[in-house]
Amino acid sequence: MNFFIADTHFFHQDLLGPNDFAPRLFDSVNAMNSALIAAWNARVDDNDVVYHLGDIAMNPENVPTDADVLAILTRLNGRIAFIKGNHDYNSLFKYLRRLDPGWHGQPKFSFHAVGTIIKDDHTQFIMTHYPLLLGITKQTLNLHGHIHHSMIPIAENINVGVDAPERAWLPAEVPWGSPLKASEIHELFQKKQETLKK
C-alpha cells in the first residue's frame, strides 16, 4: 500500500506549542518525535511505501547530526521515497543513500530532487514539496507539503503535511502525524471540492 506525508520536521524545537504556522502541542522534541514514529508505525507495515514530500527534519543548524536523522528513519516501517523539501539538503540524502539499512535486499530509501508521479484509481498523483498550480485538470491531483497549517483554495491541491488543515476532514481515528492512505487522499479531494463549492 502507498502512504503520503510531508513536513515531519523531526527535531524542530521552534514548532513546539500553539502557533498559527505549525502547531505541535508537545513539551519536547523527543515527545514530538515519538508521536510521529508511533503514528507512522501504527499504519504502515513492512511491505508499504511511504512518499515523504519533504522537510524530514530541520536544517543542519538545528538537527544534532545526520546520524540522528538516520536513527529516526530506521525506526519507521516500510520503504520511504523522499522528495526534497526546502529544509532537506543534498548531503543528508547522500548520507542516507550511503548508509541505507536496506529492505529485503533492496534499498529502504529512494530520492527525488523535485517530485514524482504515480497513478491510483485512474488518478495521477503529482507529488512535490511545494504546491503546484496545475490549471484545468481531470483525474490529476497535486499532493504537496510546505505550507503547514495553510490550504491552497483549489480542490486538486492536497496538503499531506502533518499540520495540514485538510486533515480536519478525516475521521477522528486518524491520529496527528499519520501518513495518509491513497483512499484518504481521494476522500479529502471530494470533501475539499464540496467545501469550495459552498
N, C-alpha and C. Protein backbone atom coordinates (compact mmCIF):
# COMPACT_ATOMS: atom_id res chain seq x y z
N MET A 1 0.85 -1.18 0.00
CA MET A 1 0.00 0.00 0.00
C MET A 1 0.89 1.24 0.00
N ASN A 2 0.41 2.31 -0.63
CA ASN A 2 1.12 3.58 -0.65
C ASN A 2 0.54 4.53 0.39
N PHE A 3 1.44 5.27 1.03
CA PHE A 3 1.06 6.29 2.01
C PHE A 3 1.78 7.59 1.65
N PHE A 4 1.29 8.69 2.24
CA PHE A 4 1.79 10.02 1.87
C PHE A 4 1.86 10.91 3.10
N ILE A 5 2.97 11.64 3.22
CA ILE A 5 3.18 12.54 4.36
C ILE A 5 4.18 13.61 3.95
N ALA A 6 4.19 14.71 4.68
CA ALA A 6 5.19 15.77 4.46
C ALA A 6 5.40 16.51 5.77
N ASP A 7 6.50 17.24 5.81
CA ASP A 7 6.76 18.19 6.90
C ASP A 7 6.77 17.57 8.29
N THR A 8 7.44 16.43 8.40
CA THR A 8 7.59 15.84 9.74
C THR A 8 8.42 16.75 10.65
N HIS A 9 9.42 17.41 10.09
CA HIS A 9 10.24 18.35 10.86
C HIS A 9 10.71 17.75 12.18
N PHE A 10 11.23 16.52 12.11
CA PHE A 10 11.83 15.94 13.31
C PHE A 10 12.85 16.91 13.91
N PHE A 11 12.92 16.96 15.20
CA PHE A 11 13.89 17.76 15.96
C PHE A 11 13.64 19.27 15.92
N HIS A 12 12.53 19.73 15.35
CA HIS A 12 12.34 21.18 15.17
C HIS A 12 11.72 21.80 16.42
N GLN A 13 12.56 22.25 17.29
CA GLN A 13 12.18 22.82 18.59
C GLN A 13 11.23 24.01 18.45
N ASP A 14 11.46 24.87 17.47
CA ASP A 14 10.69 26.11 17.35
C ASP A 14 9.22 25.89 17.01
N LEU A 15 8.85 24.70 16.58
CA LEU A 15 7.44 24.43 16.25
C LEU A 15 6.62 24.02 17.47
N LEU A 16 7.27 23.73 18.58
CA LEU A 16 6.55 23.24 19.75
C LEU A 16 5.64 24.32 20.34
N GLY A 17 4.46 23.89 20.75
CA GLY A 17 3.50 24.81 21.36
C GLY A 17 2.49 25.33 20.36
N PRO A 18 1.47 26.05 20.84
CA PRO A 18 0.45 26.58 19.94
C PRO A 18 1.01 27.71 19.08
N ASN A 19 0.71 27.66 17.81
CA ASN A 19 1.11 28.72 16.89
C ASN A 19 0.25 28.59 15.63
N ASP A 20 0.24 29.61 14.80
CA ASP A 20 -0.59 29.60 13.58
C ASP A 20 0.10 28.90 12.41
N PHE A 21 1.40 28.65 12.53
CA PHE A 21 2.16 28.11 11.40
C PHE A 21 2.14 26.58 11.38
N ALA A 22 2.50 25.97 12.49
CA ALA A 22 2.58 24.50 12.56
C ALA A 22 2.45 24.08 14.01
N PRO A 23 1.24 24.12 14.56
CA PRO A 23 1.09 23.84 16.00
C PRO A 23 1.47 22.42 16.36
N ARG A 24 2.47 22.28 17.21
CA ARG A 24 2.93 20.98 17.71
C ARG A 24 2.82 21.02 19.23
N LEU A 25 1.76 20.48 19.76
CA LEU A 25 1.46 20.63 21.18
C LEU A 25 2.16 19.56 22.01
N PHE A 26 3.48 19.67 22.06
CA PHE A 26 4.32 18.74 22.81
C PHE A 26 5.27 19.53 23.70
N ASP A 27 5.70 18.88 24.78
CA ASP A 27 6.60 19.54 25.73
C ASP A 27 8.06 19.49 25.28
N SER A 28 8.38 18.57 24.36
CA SER A 28 9.77 18.42 23.93
C SER A 28 9.82 17.83 22.53
N VAL A 29 10.97 17.98 21.86
CA VAL A 29 11.12 17.36 20.54
C VAL A 29 11.12 15.85 20.66
N ASN A 30 11.60 15.31 21.77
CA ASN A 30 11.57 13.86 21.95
C ASN A 30 10.13 13.34 21.97
N ALA A 31 9.24 14.07 22.65
CA ALA A 31 7.83 13.68 22.68
C ALA A 31 7.21 13.80 21.29
N MET A 32 7.53 14.87 20.56
CA MET A 32 7.02 15.05 19.20
C MET A 32 7.55 13.94 18.29
N ASN A 33 8.85 13.70 18.33
CA ASN A 33 9.44 12.64 17.50
C ASN A 33 8.79 11.29 17.80
N SER A 34 8.60 11.00 19.06
CA SER A 34 7.99 9.71 19.46
C SER A 34 6.56 9.59 18.94
N ALA A 35 5.80 10.69 18.99
CA ALA A 35 4.42 10.67 18.49
C ALA A 35 4.39 10.44 16.98
N LEU A 36 5.31 11.07 16.26
CA LEU A 36 5.38 10.87 14.81
C LEU A 36 5.74 9.43 14.46
N ILE A 37 6.71 8.88 15.16
CA ILE A 37 7.12 7.49 14.92
C ILE A 37 5.97 6.53 15.21
N ALA A 38 5.29 6.74 16.33
CA ALA A 38 4.18 5.85 16.72
C ALA A 38 3.04 5.93 15.72
N ALA A 39 2.69 7.14 15.27
CA ALA A 39 1.60 7.31 14.31
C ALA A 39 1.95 6.64 12.98
N TRP A 40 3.18 6.81 12.55
CA TRP A 40 3.66 6.18 11.30
C TRP A 40 3.56 4.66 11.41
N ASN A 41 4.16 4.10 12.44
CA ASN A 41 4.24 2.63 12.56
C ASN A 41 2.91 1.97 12.87
N ALA A 42 1.95 2.73 13.39
CA ALA A 42 0.62 2.18 13.64
C ALA A 42 -0.14 1.92 12.33
N ARG A 43 0.24 2.62 11.26
CA ARG A 43 -0.47 2.49 9.99
C ARG A 43 0.33 1.76 8.92
N VAL A 44 1.63 1.90 8.95
CA VAL A 44 2.50 1.43 7.87
C VAL A 44 3.13 0.11 8.28
N ASP A 45 3.08 -0.89 7.39
CA ASP A 45 3.79 -2.13 7.69
C ASP A 45 5.01 -2.28 6.77
N ASP A 46 5.70 -3.37 6.93
CA ASP A 46 6.98 -3.56 6.26
C ASP A 46 6.87 -3.57 4.74
N ASN A 47 5.72 -3.93 4.19
CA ASN A 47 5.57 -4.02 2.74
C ASN A 47 5.08 -2.73 2.09
N ASP A 48 4.80 -1.71 2.88
CA ASP A 48 4.25 -0.46 2.35
C ASP A 48 5.35 0.49 1.88
N VAL A 49 4.93 1.45 1.06
CA VAL A 49 5.81 2.53 0.61
C VAL A 49 5.21 3.84 1.10
N VAL A 50 6.03 4.65 1.74
CA VAL A 50 5.61 5.98 2.18
C VAL A 50 6.33 7.01 1.34
N TYR A 51 5.56 7.87 0.68
CA TYR A 51 6.11 9.01 -0.05
C TYR A 51 6.19 10.18 0.92
N HIS A 52 7.41 10.58 1.23
CA HIS A 52 7.65 11.69 2.15
C HIS A 52 7.94 12.92 1.31
N LEU A 53 7.01 13.88 1.32
CA LEU A 53 7.08 15.00 0.39
C LEU A 53 7.83 16.20 0.98
N GLY A 54 8.92 15.93 1.63
CA GLY A 54 9.85 16.99 2.00
C GLY A 54 9.81 17.45 3.44
N ASP A 55 10.95 18.00 3.84
CA ASP A 55 11.21 18.52 5.19
C ASP A 55 11.15 17.40 6.23
N ILE A 56 12.12 16.52 6.11
CA ILE A 56 12.25 15.39 7.04
C ILE A 56 12.51 15.92 8.45
N ALA A 57 13.55 16.72 8.56
CA ALA A 57 13.96 17.30 9.83
C ALA A 57 14.36 18.74 9.56
N MET A 58 14.65 19.46 10.60
CA MET A 58 15.05 20.85 10.39
C MET A 58 16.47 20.89 9.84
N ASN A 59 16.87 22.05 9.35
CA ASN A 59 18.16 22.20 8.66
C ASN A 59 19.34 21.86 9.58
N PRO A 60 20.53 21.72 9.01
CA PRO A 60 21.67 21.22 9.79
C PRO A 60 21.99 22.02 11.05
N GLU A 61 21.64 23.30 11.09
CA GLU A 61 21.95 24.09 12.30
C GLU A 61 21.17 23.59 13.51
N ASN A 62 19.99 23.01 13.27
CA ASN A 62 19.13 22.61 14.39
C ASN A 62 19.07 21.11 14.62
N VAL A 63 19.50 20.31 13.65
CA VAL A 63 19.48 18.86 13.82
C VAL A 63 20.83 18.46 14.40
N PRO A 64 20.84 17.66 15.47
CA PRO A 64 22.15 17.30 16.05
C PRO A 64 23.13 16.73 15.02
N THR A 65 22.77 15.66 14.30
CA THR A 65 23.65 15.10 13.27
C THR A 65 22.80 14.36 12.25
N ASP A 66 23.41 14.10 11.09
CA ASP A 66 22.74 13.26 10.09
C ASP A 66 22.47 11.86 10.67
N ALA A 67 23.37 11.41 11.53
CA ALA A 67 23.19 10.09 12.16
C ALA A 67 21.92 10.06 13.02
N ASP A 68 21.59 11.18 13.68
CA ASP A 68 20.36 11.24 14.47
C ASP A 68 19.12 11.13 13.58
N VAL A 69 19.18 11.76 12.41
CA VAL A 69 18.07 11.66 11.46
C VAL A 69 17.94 10.23 10.96
N LEU A 70 19.05 9.62 10.60
CA LEU A 70 19.03 8.23 10.14
C LEU A 70 18.48 7.30 11.23
N ALA A 71 18.86 7.55 12.48
CA ALA A 71 18.38 6.70 13.58
C ALA A 71 16.85 6.76 13.68
N ILE A 72 16.27 7.94 13.47
CA ILE A 72 14.80 8.07 13.46
C ILE A 72 14.22 7.30 12.27
N LEU A 73 14.79 7.51 11.08
CA LEU A 73 14.22 6.92 9.86
C LEU A 73 14.30 5.40 9.86
N THR A 74 15.31 4.83 10.48
CA THR A 74 15.41 3.37 10.52
C THR A 74 14.36 2.76 11.44
N ARG A 75 13.77 3.56 12.30
CA ARG A 75 12.69 3.08 13.19
C ARG A 75 11.32 3.09 12.49
N LEU A 76 11.24 3.69 11.31
CA LEU A 76 9.97 3.81 10.60
C LEU A 76 9.73 2.61 9.70
N ASN A 77 8.54 2.06 9.75
CA ASN A 77 8.18 0.89 8.93
C ASN A 77 8.13 1.25 7.45
N GLY A 78 8.35 0.22 6.62
CA GLY A 78 8.18 0.36 5.18
C GLY A 78 9.38 0.98 4.48
N ARG A 79 9.22 1.09 3.17
CA ARG A 79 10.20 1.80 2.35
C ARG A 79 9.79 3.26 2.25
N ILE A 80 10.75 4.14 2.05
CA ILE A 80 10.44 5.57 2.02
C ILE A 80 11.02 6.19 0.75
N ALA A 81 10.14 6.87 -0.01
CA ALA A 81 10.56 7.64 -1.19
C ALA A 81 10.55 9.11 -0.79
N PHE A 82 11.72 9.73 -0.78
CA PHE A 82 11.85 11.11 -0.34
C PHE A 82 11.81 12.07 -1.52
N ILE A 83 11.02 13.12 -1.38
CA ILE A 83 11.02 14.24 -2.31
C ILE A 83 11.63 15.41 -1.55
N LYS A 84 12.60 16.06 -2.15
CA LYS A 84 13.39 17.07 -1.45
C LYS A 84 12.54 18.30 -1.12
N GLY A 85 12.59 18.68 0.16
CA GLY A 85 11.93 19.89 0.62
C GLY A 85 12.94 21.00 0.84
N ASN A 86 12.45 22.18 1.17
CA ASN A 86 13.36 23.31 1.34
C ASN A 86 14.26 23.18 2.57
N HIS A 87 13.90 22.31 3.53
CA HIS A 87 14.76 22.08 4.69
C HIS A 87 15.55 20.78 4.57
N ASP A 88 15.46 20.11 3.44
CA ASP A 88 16.30 18.94 3.18
C ASP A 88 17.53 19.41 2.41
N TYR A 89 18.56 18.63 2.42
CA TYR A 89 19.79 19.07 1.78
C TYR A 89 20.49 17.85 1.17
N ASN A 90 21.24 18.13 0.11
CA ASN A 90 21.86 17.05 -0.67
C ASN A 90 22.78 16.18 0.16
N SER A 91 23.52 16.79 1.08
CA SER A 91 24.47 15.99 1.86
C SER A 91 23.73 14.99 2.75
N LEU A 92 22.53 15.34 3.25
CA LEU A 92 21.74 14.38 4.03
C LEU A 92 21.30 13.22 3.13
N PHE A 93 20.79 13.53 1.94
CA PHE A 93 20.36 12.48 1.03
C PHE A 93 21.53 11.56 0.67
N LYS A 94 22.71 12.12 0.46
CA LYS A 94 23.90 11.30 0.16
C LYS A 94 24.25 10.41 1.35
N TYR A 95 24.15 10.96 2.53
CA TYR A 95 24.42 10.20 3.76
C TYR A 95 23.43 9.04 3.89
N LEU A 96 22.14 9.32 3.70
CA LEU A 96 21.12 8.28 3.82
C LEU A 96 21.30 7.21 2.75
N ARG A 97 21.67 7.61 1.55
CA ARG A 97 21.90 6.64 0.48
C ARG A 97 23.09 5.74 0.82
N ARG A 98 24.14 6.35 1.36
CA ARG A 98 25.36 5.59 1.67
C ARG A 98 25.13 4.60 2.82
N LEU A 99 24.32 5.00 3.80
CA LEU A 99 24.11 4.16 4.98
C LEU A 99 22.71 3.54 5.01
N ASP A 100 22.12 3.41 3.85
CA ASP A 100 20.77 2.82 3.74
C ASP A 100 20.76 1.46 4.44
N PRO A 101 19.81 1.25 5.37
CA PRO A 101 19.78 -0.01 6.11
C PRO A 101 19.28 -1.20 5.29
N GLY A 102 18.70 -0.91 4.12
CA GLY A 102 18.23 -1.98 3.25
C GLY A 102 16.83 -2.47 3.61
N TRP A 103 16.23 -3.10 2.62
CA TRP A 103 14.88 -3.64 2.76
C TRP A 103 14.79 -4.88 1.88
N HIS A 104 14.89 -6.06 2.47
CA HIS A 104 14.79 -7.33 1.74
C HIS A 104 15.68 -7.35 0.49
N GLY A 105 16.92 -6.94 0.67
CA GLY A 105 17.88 -6.95 -0.43
C GLY A 105 17.80 -5.75 -1.35
N GLN A 106 16.91 -4.83 -1.07
CA GLN A 106 16.77 -3.60 -1.85
C GLN A 106 17.00 -2.40 -0.93
N PRO A 107 17.21 -1.20 -1.51
CA PRO A 107 17.31 -0.03 -0.64
C PRO A 107 16.00 0.28 0.06
N LYS A 108 16.09 0.73 1.29
CA LYS A 108 14.90 1.21 2.02
C LYS A 108 14.49 2.59 1.53
N PHE A 109 15.47 3.38 1.11
CA PHE A 109 15.23 4.77 0.73
C PHE A 109 15.41 4.97 -0.77
N SER A 110 14.58 5.84 -1.34
CA SER A 110 14.79 6.35 -2.70
C SER A 110 14.61 7.86 -2.64
N PHE A 111 15.12 8.56 -3.65
CA PHE A 111 15.21 10.02 -3.57
C PHE A 111 14.79 10.67 -4.89
N HIS A 112 14.06 11.78 -4.77
CA HIS A 112 13.62 12.56 -5.92
C HIS A 112 13.93 14.03 -5.62
N ALA A 113 14.63 14.68 -6.53
CA ALA A 113 15.05 16.06 -6.29
C ALA A 113 13.88 17.04 -6.34
N VAL A 114 12.90 16.80 -7.22
CA VAL A 114 11.81 17.75 -7.41
C VAL A 114 10.45 17.13 -7.13
N GLY A 115 10.21 15.95 -7.64
CA GLY A 115 8.91 15.31 -7.45
C GLY A 115 8.84 13.99 -8.18
N THR A 116 7.70 13.34 -8.07
CA THR A 116 7.47 12.09 -8.79
C THR A 116 5.97 11.93 -8.99
N ILE A 117 5.59 10.99 -9.85
CA ILE A 117 4.18 10.77 -10.20
C ILE A 117 3.87 9.29 -10.08
N ILE A 118 2.72 8.99 -9.48
CA ILE A 118 2.19 7.63 -9.52
C ILE A 118 0.72 7.73 -9.92
N LYS A 119 0.13 6.60 -10.24
CA LYS A 119 -1.29 6.56 -10.58
C LYS A 119 -2.01 5.72 -9.54
N ASP A 120 -3.18 6.22 -9.10
CA ASP A 120 -4.00 5.49 -8.15
C ASP A 120 -5.47 5.66 -8.53
N ASP A 121 -6.15 4.55 -8.75
CA ASP A 121 -7.58 4.57 -9.07
C ASP A 121 -7.87 5.56 -10.20
N HIS A 122 -7.15 5.43 -11.30
CA HIS A 122 -7.32 6.26 -12.51
C HIS A 122 -7.01 7.73 -12.28
N THR A 123 -6.30 8.04 -11.23
CA THR A 123 -5.94 9.43 -10.92
C THR A 123 -4.43 9.53 -10.77
N GLN A 124 -3.86 10.56 -11.42
CA GLN A 124 -2.43 10.83 -11.26
C GLN A 124 -2.21 11.60 -9.96
N PHE A 125 -1.27 11.14 -9.17
CA PHE A 125 -0.80 11.90 -8.02
C PHE A 125 0.55 12.50 -8.41
N ILE A 126 0.57 13.81 -8.63
CA ILE A 126 1.82 14.52 -8.88
C ILE A 126 2.31 15.00 -7.52
N MET A 127 3.41 14.44 -7.06
CA MET A 127 3.88 14.69 -5.70
C MET A 127 5.10 15.61 -5.72
N THR A 128 4.97 16.73 -5.02
CA THR A 128 6.03 17.73 -4.92
C THR A 128 6.06 18.24 -3.48
N HIS A 129 7.12 18.95 -3.13
CA HIS A 129 7.12 19.59 -1.82
C HIS A 129 6.29 20.87 -1.86
N TYR A 130 6.58 21.72 -2.84
CA TYR A 130 5.86 22.97 -3.00
C TYR A 130 4.57 22.73 -3.76
N PRO A 131 3.46 23.41 -3.40
CA PRO A 131 2.23 23.24 -4.18
C PRO A 131 2.40 23.76 -5.61
N LEU A 132 1.78 23.05 -6.55
CA LEU A 132 1.78 23.44 -7.95
C LEU A 132 0.41 23.97 -8.34
N LEU A 133 0.38 24.92 -9.26
CA LEU A 133 -0.89 25.35 -9.85
C LEU A 133 -1.00 24.65 -11.19
N LEU A 134 -1.87 23.67 -11.26
CA LEU A 134 -1.94 22.79 -12.43
C LEU A 134 -2.84 23.32 -13.53
N GLY A 135 -3.66 24.31 -13.27
CA GLY A 135 -4.64 24.75 -14.26
C GLY A 135 -5.80 23.76 -14.30
N ILE A 136 -6.49 23.73 -15.41
CA ILE A 136 -7.65 22.84 -15.55
C ILE A 136 -7.13 21.42 -15.76
N THR A 137 -7.55 20.52 -14.88
CA THR A 137 -7.10 19.13 -14.96
C THR A 137 -8.27 18.19 -14.75
N LYS A 138 -8.08 16.97 -15.18
CA LYS A 138 -9.02 15.90 -14.88
C LYS A 138 -8.22 14.73 -14.36
N GLN A 139 -8.69 14.16 -13.27
CA GLN A 139 -8.08 12.98 -12.68
C GLN A 139 -6.59 13.19 -12.41
N THR A 140 -6.25 14.38 -11.94
CA THR A 140 -4.88 14.72 -11.56
C THR A 140 -4.91 15.54 -10.29
N LEU A 141 -4.18 15.09 -9.28
CA LEU A 141 -4.07 15.82 -8.02
C LEU A 141 -2.61 16.14 -7.75
N ASN A 142 -2.39 17.29 -7.15
CA ASN A 142 -1.05 17.64 -6.68
C ASN A 142 -1.02 17.42 -5.17
N LEU A 143 -0.27 16.41 -4.73
CA LEU A 143 -0.03 16.20 -3.31
C LEU A 143 1.24 16.97 -2.96
N HIS A 144 1.18 17.72 -1.88
CA HIS A 144 2.31 18.59 -1.54
C HIS A 144 2.36 18.78 -0.04
N GLY A 145 3.37 19.52 0.39
CA GLY A 145 3.51 19.93 1.77
C GLY A 145 3.82 21.41 1.80
N HIS A 146 4.82 21.78 2.58
CA HIS A 146 5.46 23.09 2.63
C HIS A 146 4.67 24.18 3.35
N ILE A 147 3.36 24.24 3.18
CA ILE A 147 2.62 25.39 3.69
C ILE A 147 2.00 25.12 5.07
N HIS A 148 2.32 23.98 5.65
CA HIS A 148 1.94 23.63 7.02
C HIS A 148 0.45 23.86 7.27
N HIS A 149 0.10 24.77 8.17
CA HIS A 149 -1.29 24.93 8.59
C HIS A 149 -2.05 25.89 7.66
N SER A 150 -1.76 25.81 6.37
CA SER A 150 -2.44 26.62 5.35
C SER A 150 -2.95 25.69 4.26
N MET A 151 -3.89 26.23 3.47
CA MET A 151 -4.51 25.42 2.43
C MET A 151 -4.61 26.23 1.14
N ILE A 152 -4.21 25.62 0.02
CA ILE A 152 -4.44 26.23 -1.29
C ILE A 152 -5.93 26.09 -1.60
N PRO A 153 -6.62 27.17 -2.00
CA PRO A 153 -8.07 27.08 -2.23
C PRO A 153 -8.42 26.49 -3.60
N ILE A 154 -7.78 25.39 -3.92
CA ILE A 154 -8.03 24.65 -5.16
C ILE A 154 -8.16 23.18 -4.76
N ALA A 155 -9.25 22.54 -5.17
CA ALA A 155 -9.54 21.17 -4.72
C ALA A 155 -8.45 20.19 -5.10
N GLU A 156 -7.81 20.41 -6.25
CA GLU A 156 -6.81 19.45 -6.75
C GLU A 156 -5.49 19.53 -6.01
N ASN A 157 -5.30 20.53 -5.17
CA ASN A 157 -4.10 20.64 -4.34
C ASN A 157 -4.41 20.09 -2.95
N ILE A 158 -3.76 18.98 -2.61
CA ILE A 158 -3.99 18.34 -1.32
C ILE A 158 -2.71 18.42 -0.49
N ASN A 159 -2.79 19.14 0.61
CA ASN A 159 -1.66 19.27 1.53
C ASN A 159 -1.63 18.01 2.40
N VAL A 160 -0.56 17.22 2.29
CA VAL A 160 -0.44 15.98 3.06
C VAL A 160 0.48 16.15 4.28
N GLY A 161 0.86 17.39 4.56
CA GLY A 161 1.72 17.65 5.71
C GLY A 161 1.04 17.28 7.02
N VAL A 162 1.84 17.00 8.03
CA VAL A 162 1.27 16.58 9.31
C VAL A 162 0.43 17.68 9.97
N ASP A 163 0.64 18.93 9.59
CA ASP A 163 -0.09 20.05 10.17
C ASP A 163 -1.20 20.56 9.26
N ALA A 164 -1.47 19.88 8.14
CA ALA A 164 -2.38 20.38 7.12
C ALA A 164 -3.81 20.54 7.64
N PRO A 165 -4.46 21.67 7.32
CA PRO A 165 -5.86 21.85 7.75
C PRO A 165 -6.81 20.87 7.09
N GLU A 166 -6.48 20.36 5.91
CA GLU A 166 -7.35 19.37 5.26
C GLU A 166 -7.56 18.13 6.14
N ARG A 167 -6.62 17.83 7.00
CA ARG A 167 -6.73 16.65 7.85
C ARG A 167 -7.96 16.70 8.78
N ALA A 168 -8.50 17.89 9.00
CA ALA A 168 -9.69 18.01 9.84
C ALA A 168 -10.89 17.29 9.22
N TRP A 169 -10.86 17.03 7.92
CA TRP A 169 -11.95 16.32 7.25
C TRP A 169 -11.84 14.81 7.38
N LEU A 170 -10.75 14.32 7.94
CA LEU A 170 -10.57 12.88 8.10
C LEU A 170 -11.28 12.41 9.36
N PRO A 171 -11.60 11.12 9.43
CA PRO A 171 -12.22 10.59 10.67
C PRO A 171 -11.30 10.80 11.86
N ALA A 172 -11.90 10.90 13.02
CA ALA A 172 -11.15 11.20 14.25
C ALA A 172 -10.11 10.14 14.58
N GLU A 173 -10.28 8.92 14.06
CA GLU A 173 -9.32 7.86 14.43
C GLU A 173 -7.99 7.95 13.68
N VAL A 174 -7.83 8.95 12.81
CA VAL A 174 -6.54 9.15 12.14
C VAL A 174 -5.73 10.10 13.02
N PRO A 175 -4.77 9.58 13.81
CA PRO A 175 -4.04 10.43 14.74
C PRO A 175 -3.13 11.44 14.04
N TRP A 176 -2.82 12.51 14.76
CA TRP A 176 -1.88 13.52 14.26
C TRP A 176 -0.58 12.82 13.87
N GLY A 177 -0.02 13.20 12.74
CA GLY A 177 1.26 12.66 12.30
C GLY A 177 1.18 11.40 11.49
N SER A 178 -0.02 10.89 11.25
CA SER A 178 -0.16 9.64 10.48
C SER A 178 0.06 9.88 9.00
N PRO A 179 0.82 9.02 8.34
CA PRO A 179 0.83 9.06 6.87
C PRO A 179 -0.58 8.73 6.36
N LEU A 180 -0.96 9.34 5.25
CA LEU A 180 -2.30 9.18 4.71
C LEU A 180 -2.35 8.10 3.64
N LYS A 181 -3.43 7.30 3.65
CA LYS A 181 -3.66 6.28 2.63
C LYS A 181 -4.16 6.95 1.35
N ALA A 182 -3.99 6.27 0.23
CA ALA A 182 -4.49 6.79 -1.05
C ALA A 182 -6.00 6.99 -0.99
N SER A 183 -6.72 6.08 -0.35
CA SER A 183 -8.18 6.23 -0.24
C SER A 183 -8.54 7.51 0.51
N GLU A 184 -7.73 7.88 1.49
CA GLU A 184 -7.97 9.12 2.24
C GLU A 184 -7.68 10.35 1.40
N ILE A 185 -6.71 10.25 0.50
CA ILE A 185 -6.43 11.35 -0.42
C ILE A 185 -7.65 11.61 -1.29
N HIS A 186 -8.24 10.54 -1.84
CA HIS A 186 -9.44 10.70 -2.67
C HIS A 186 -10.59 11.29 -1.85
N GLU A 187 -10.72 10.86 -0.61
CA GLU A 187 -11.77 11.38 0.27
C GLU A 187 -11.56 12.87 0.54
N LEU A 188 -10.31 13.27 0.80
CA LEU A 188 -10.02 14.68 1.04
C LEU A 188 -10.33 15.52 -0.19
N PHE A 189 -10.02 14.99 -1.38
CA PHE A 189 -10.32 15.71 -2.62
C PHE A 189 -11.82 15.95 -2.75
N GLN A 190 -12.64 14.92 -2.49
CA GLN A 190 -14.09 15.06 -2.58
C GLN A 190 -14.61 16.09 -1.58
N LYS A 191 -14.11 16.02 -0.35
CA LYS A 191 -14.58 16.95 0.68
C LYS A 191 -14.12 18.38 0.40
N LYS A 192 -12.91 18.51 -0.14
CA LYS A 192 -12.42 19.84 -0.46
C LYS A 192 -13.23 20.43 -1.62
N GLN A 193 -13.54 19.62 -2.62
CA GLN A 193 -14.41 20.07 -3.73
C GLN A 193 -15.74 20.57 -3.20
N GLU A 194 -16.36 19.77 -2.36
CA GLU A 194 -17.68 20.13 -1.80
C GLU A 194 -17.60 21.43 -0.99
N THR A 195 -16.56 21.55 -0.19
CA THR A 195 -16.41 22.74 0.67
C THR A 195 -16.19 24.00 -0.17
N LEU A 196 -15.37 23.89 -1.21
CA LEU A 196 -15.08 25.07 -2.03
C LEU A 196 -16.26 25.50 -2.89
N LYS A 197 -17.18 24.58 -3.16
CA LYS A 197 -18.37 24.93 -3.94
C LYS A 197 -19.38 25.73 -3.13
N LYS A 198 -19.30 25.64 -1.80
CA LYS A 198 -20.29 26.32 -0.94
C LYS A 198 -20.05 27.82 -0.89
